C-alpha atoms as a PDB file:
ATOM      1  CA  MET A   1      90.370 129.285 110.174  1.00  0.00           C
ATOM      2  CA  THR A   2      89.690 125.939 108.717  1.00  0.00           C
ATOM      3  CA  VAL A   3      87.103 123.548 110.056  1.00  0.00           C
ATOM      4  CA  THR A   4      87.083 120.170 109.064  1.00  0.00           C
ATOM      5  CA  VAL A   5      84.552 117.183 110.236  1.00  0.00           C
ATOM      6  CA  GLN A   6      85.331 113.745 109.426  1.00  0.00           C
ATOM      7  CA  PRO A   7      83.747 110.431 110.544  1.00  0.00           C
ATOM      8  CA  LEU A   8      85.627 107.935 112.900  1.00  0.00           C
ATOM      9  CA  THR A   9      86.091 105.361 110.235  1.00  0.00           C
ATOM     10  CA  SER A  10      89.049 103.422 111.792  1.00  0.00           C
ATOM     11  CA  GLY A  11      90.645 103.238 114.919  1.00  0.00           C
ATOM     12  CA  ARG A  12      88.970 103.267 118.808  1.00  0.00           C
ATOM     13  CA  ILE A  13      87.595 106.252 119.901  1.00  0.00           C
ATOM     14  CA  SER A  14      89.151 105.480 123.436  1.00  0.00           C
ATOM     15  CA  ALA A  15      92.668 105.367 121.671  1.00  0.00           C
ATOM     16  CA  LEU A  16      91.826 109.062 121.006  1.00  0.00           C
ATOM     17  CA  VAL A  17      90.371 110.117 124.057  1.00  0.00           C
ATOM     18  CA  CYS A  18      93.023 108.586 126.288  1.00  0.00           C
ATOM     19  CA  ALA A  19      95.535 110.476 124.143  1.00  0.00           C
ATOM     20  CA  CYS A  20      94.184 113.495 125.079  1.00  0.00           C
ATOM     21  CA  SER A  21      93.371 113.588 128.517  1.00  0.00           C
ATOM     22  CA  ASP A  22      93.399 111.286 131.797  1.00  0.00           C
ATOM     23  CA  TYR A  23      90.151 108.620 131.803  1.00  0.00           C
ATOM     24  CA  ASN A  24      89.790 105.469 133.707  1.00  0.00           C
ATOM     25  CA  SER A  25      89.209 102.223 131.924  1.00  0.00           C
ATOM     26  CA  ALA A  26      85.598 102.449 132.553  1.00  0.00           C
ATOM     27  CA  GLU A  27      85.190 105.704 131.030  1.00  0.00           C
ATOM     28  CA  LEU A  28      87.115 104.832 127.928  1.00  0.00           C
ATOM     29  CA  ARG A  29      84.764 101.738 127.616  1.00  0.00           C
ATOM     30  CA  ILE A  30      81.713 104.157 127.392  1.00  0.00           C
ATOM     31  CA  PHE A  31      83.311 105.919 124.723  1.00  0.00           C
ATOM     32  CA  ASP A  32      83.833 102.353 122.772  1.00  0.00           C
ATOM     33  CA  ARG A  33      80.149 101.932 123.457  1.00  0.00           C
ATOM     34  CA  PHE A  34      79.033 104.786 122.201  1.00  0.00           C
ATOM     35  CA  GLN A  35      81.249 104.112 119.051  1.00  0.00           C
ATOM     36  CA  ALA A  36      79.942 100.734 118.735  1.00  0.00           C
ATOM     37  CA  LEU A  37      76.117 101.940 119.056  1.00  0.00           C
ATOM     38  CA  GLY A  38      76.352 104.933 116.595  1.00  0.00           C
ATOM     39  CA  GLU A  39      78.070 107.309 114.377  1.00  0.00           C
ATOM     40  CA  VAL A  40      81.252 108.794 115.602  1.00  0.00           C
ATOM     41  CA  TYR A  41      82.802 112.144 114.111  1.00  0.00           C
ATOM     42  CA  LEU A  42      85.942 114.113 114.724  1.00  0.00           C
ATOM     43  CA  GLY A  43      86.160 118.082 114.754  1.00  0.00           C
ATOM     44  CA  TYR A  44      89.318 119.939 114.037  1.00  0.00           C
ATOM     45  CA  VAL A  45      90.157 123.299 113.881  1.00  0.00           C
ATOM     46  CA  ASP A  46      93.114 124.314 111.768  1.00  0.00           C
ATOM     47  CA  SER A  47      94.116 120.577 112.027  1.00  0.00           C
ATOM     48  CA  GLU A  48      93.934 120.955 115.538  1.00  0.00           C
ATOM     49  CA  PHE A  49      91.715 117.995 117.197  1.00  0.00           C
ATOM     50  CA  VAL A  50      88.843 120.121 119.229  1.00  0.00           C
ATOM     51  CA  CYS A  51      86.065 117.664 119.665  1.00  0.00           C
ATOM     52  CA  CYS A  52      84.247 114.422 118.801  1.00  0.00           C
ATOM     53  CA  TRP A  53      80.660 113.755 118.783  1.00  0.00           C
ATOM     54  CA  GLY A  54      77.791 111.232 117.797  1.00  0.00           C
ATOM     55  CA  LEU A  55      74.370 109.843 117.494  1.00  0.00           C
ATOM     56  CA  ILE A  56      72.989 106.880 119.243  1.00  0.00           C
ATOM     57  CA  THR A  57      69.393 105.858 118.465  1.00  0.00           C
ATOM     58  CA  PRO A  58      67.422 103.496 120.732  1.00  0.00           C
ATOM     59  CA  SER A  59      66.647 101.431 117.629  1.00  0.00           C
ATOM     60  CA  PHE A  60      67.357 100.646 114.062  1.00  0.00           C
ATOM     61  CA  LEU A  61      63.671 102.211 113.446  1.00  0.00           C
ATOM     62  CA  SER A  62      63.883 104.886 115.301  1.00  0.00           C
ATOM     63  CA  THR A  63      63.389 109.070 114.286  1.00  0.00           C
ATOM     64  CA  ARG A  64      64.977 109.726 117.244  1.00  0.00           C
ATOM     65  CA  ALA A  65      68.778 110.216 118.043  1.00  0.00           C
ATOM     66  CA  TYR A  66      70.955 110.911 121.093  1.00  0.00           C
ATOM     67  CA  LEU A  67      73.651 113.550 120.503  1.00  0.00           C
ATOM     68  CA  TRP A  68      76.500 113.334 122.490  1.00  0.00           C
ATOM     69  CA  MET A  69      79.966 115.502 122.304  1.00  0.00           C
ATOM     70  CA  TRP A  70      83.225 115.590 124.105  1.00  0.00           C
ATOM     71  CA  ALA A  71      85.834 118.281 123.929  1.00  0.00           C
ATOM     72  CA  PRO A  72      89.409 117.255 125.855  1.00  0.00           C
ATOM     73  CA  LYS A  73      89.631 121.437 126.587  1.00  0.00           C
ATOM     74  CA  HIS A  74      87.432 124.186 126.484  1.00  0.00           C
ATOM     75  CA  PHE A  75      87.468 126.048 123.080  1.00  0.00           C
ATOM     76  CA  ARG A  76      85.628 128.892 121.366  1.00  0.00           C
ATOM     77  CA  HIS A  77      82.923 128.281 119.040  1.00  0.00           C
ATOM     78  CA  HIS A  78      84.215 130.454 116.449  1.00  0.00           C
ATOM     79  CA  PHE A  79      81.966 131.514 113.324  1.00  0.00           C
ATOM     80  CA  VAL A  80      82.973 128.947 111.091  1.00  0.00           C
ATOM     81  CA  PHE A  81      82.755 126.168 113.329  1.00  0.00           C
ATOM     82  CA  ILE A  82      79.325 126.986 114.422  1.00  0.00           C
ATOM     83  CA  ARG A  83      78.352 127.146 110.654  1.00  0.00           C
ATOM     84  CA  GLN A  84      79.862 123.747 110.003  1.00  0.00           C
ATOM     85  CA  SER A  85      77.840 122.355 113.047  1.00  0.00           C
ATOM     86  CA  GLN A  86      74.521 124.034 111.822  1.00  0.00           C
ATOM     87  CA  ILE A  87      75.063 122.067 108.103  1.00  0.00           C
ATOM     88  CA  HIS A  88      75.792 119.057 110.016  1.00  0.00           C
ATOM     89  CA  ILE A  89      72.809 119.073 112.583  1.00  0.00           C
ATOM     90  CA  ARG A  90      70.813 119.982 109.103  1.00  0.00           C
ATOM     91  CA  ALA A  91      71.993 116.846 107.550  1.00  0.00           C
ATOM     92  CA  MET A  92      71.146 114.453 111.019  1.00  0.00           C
ATOM     93  CA  LEU A  93      67.626 115.937 110.670  1.00  0.00           C
ATOM     94  CA  ARG A  94      67.106 114.447 107.100  1.00  0.00           C
ATOM     95  CA  CYS A  95      67.412 111.302 108.830  1.00  0.00           C
ATOM     96  CA  TYR A  96      65.902 111.788 112.447  1.00  0.00           C
ATOM     97  CA  ASP A  97      62.884 113.998 113.607  1.00  0.00           C
ATOM     98  CA  GLU A  98      64.372 114.941 116.949  1.00  0.00           C
ATOM     99  CA  ILE A  99      67.903 115.059 118.081  1.00  0.00           C
ATOM    100  CA  VAL A 100      67.796 114.692 121.868  1.00  0.00           C
ATOM    101  CA  GLY A 101      70.823 115.204 124.431  1.00  0.00           C
ATOM    102  CA  GLU A 102      71.865 116.792 127.976  1.00  0.00           C
ATOM    103  CA  CYS A 103      74.477 119.117 128.719  1.00  0.00           C
ATOM    104  CA  LEU A 104      75.735 120.245 132.259  1.00  0.00           C
ATOM    105  CA  ALA A 105      73.283 123.374 133.159  1.00  0.00           C
ATOM    106  CA  THR A 106      76.082 125.504 134.542  1.00  0.00           C
ATOM    107  CA  ASN A 107      77.922 125.154 131.078  1.00  0.00           C
ATOM    108  CA  ARG A 108      76.759 128.115 129.284  1.00  0.00           C
ATOM    109  CA  SER A 109      78.936 128.188 126.511  1.00  0.00           C
ATOM    110  CA  ALA A 110      77.471 124.606 125.542  1.00  0.00           C
ATOM    111  CA  GLN A 111      73.998 126.120 125.917  1.00  0.00           C
ATOM    112  CA  ARG A 112      74.447 128.852 123.735  1.00  0.00           C
ATOM    113  CA  TRP A 113      76.249 126.694 120.851  1.00  0.00           C
ATOM    114  CA  LEU A 114      72.927 124.570 121.148  1.00  0.00           C
ATOM    115  CA  ARG A 115      70.654 127.364 120.995  1.00  0.00           C
ATOM    116  CA  TRP A 116      72.654 128.399 117.465  1.00  0.00           C
ATOM    117  CA  LEU A 117      71.816 124.903 116.697  1.00  0.00           C
ATOM    118  CA  GLY A 118      68.471 125.337 117.297  1.00  0.00           C
ATOM    119  CA  ALA A 119      68.109 123.366 120.786  1.00  0.00           C
ATOM    120  CA  THR A 120      65.049 124.212 122.951  1.00  0.00           C
ATOM    121  CA  PHE A 121      65.792 123.279 126.866  1.00  0.00           C
ATOM    122  CA  ASP A 122      63.713 121.648 129.069  1.00  0.00           C
ATOM    123  CA  GLU A 123      63.732 121.845 133.049  1.00  0.00           C
ATOM    124  CA  PRO A 124      67.218 120.820 134.394  1.00  0.00           C
ATOM    125  CA  ARG A 125      67.209 117.145 135.852  1.00  0.00           C
ATOM    126  CA  GLY A 126      69.904 117.337 138.753  1.00  0.00           C
ATOM    127  CA  PRO A 127      73.071 118.872 137.149  1.00  0.00           C
ATOM    128  CA  VAL A 128      71.927 118.341 133.562  1.00  0.00           C
ATOM    129  CA  LEU A 129      69.706 120.386 131.257  1.00  0.00           C
ATOM    130  CA  PRO A 130      67.708 118.011 128.759  1.00  0.00           C
ATOM    131  CA  PHE A 131      67.867 119.477 125.213  1.00  0.00           C
ATOM    132  CA  THR A 132      65.796 118.530 121.702  1.00  0.00           C
ATOM    133  CA  ILE A 133      66.466 119.758 118.481  1.00  0.00           C
ATOM    134  CA  ARG A 134      63.545 119.053 115.781  1.00  0.00           C
ATOM    135  CA  ARG A 135      63.390 118.749 112.104  1.00  0.00           C
ATOM    136  CA  PRO A 136      61.734 122.068 111.037  1.00  0.00           C
ATOM    137  CA  HIS A 137      57.974 121.379 109.518  1.00  0.00           C
ATOM    138  CA  GLY A 138      57.474 121.620 106.172  1.00  0.00           C
END
């Protein structure tokens, strides 16, 4: 199994999302807004697109970033994918003290993946479960 990650440097993320699933124009504009606000990465397993994710910061000087991820279909978190995710999170934590986000409280697979990345969870807020990944001290 080969896992590759690459930054989205050309094109619009909405075109990729639209090609993979049925989304309305308002949802596609949200993805383009994510792209305009921060970094976007594409993830592939054996040359097949499996997900995209990105970081959004509230300001240029912020030491905290919001992590989002989108996958057009459910995929298994293979060991190689998990290892690559850990490497990327470690790199992100060199730039930010904290990475925060939310996942669906019912999505146990996402919660397991986030725990492998070092996430701790807060109390659910309705259907979402907030998480934080902190830079290790030392």
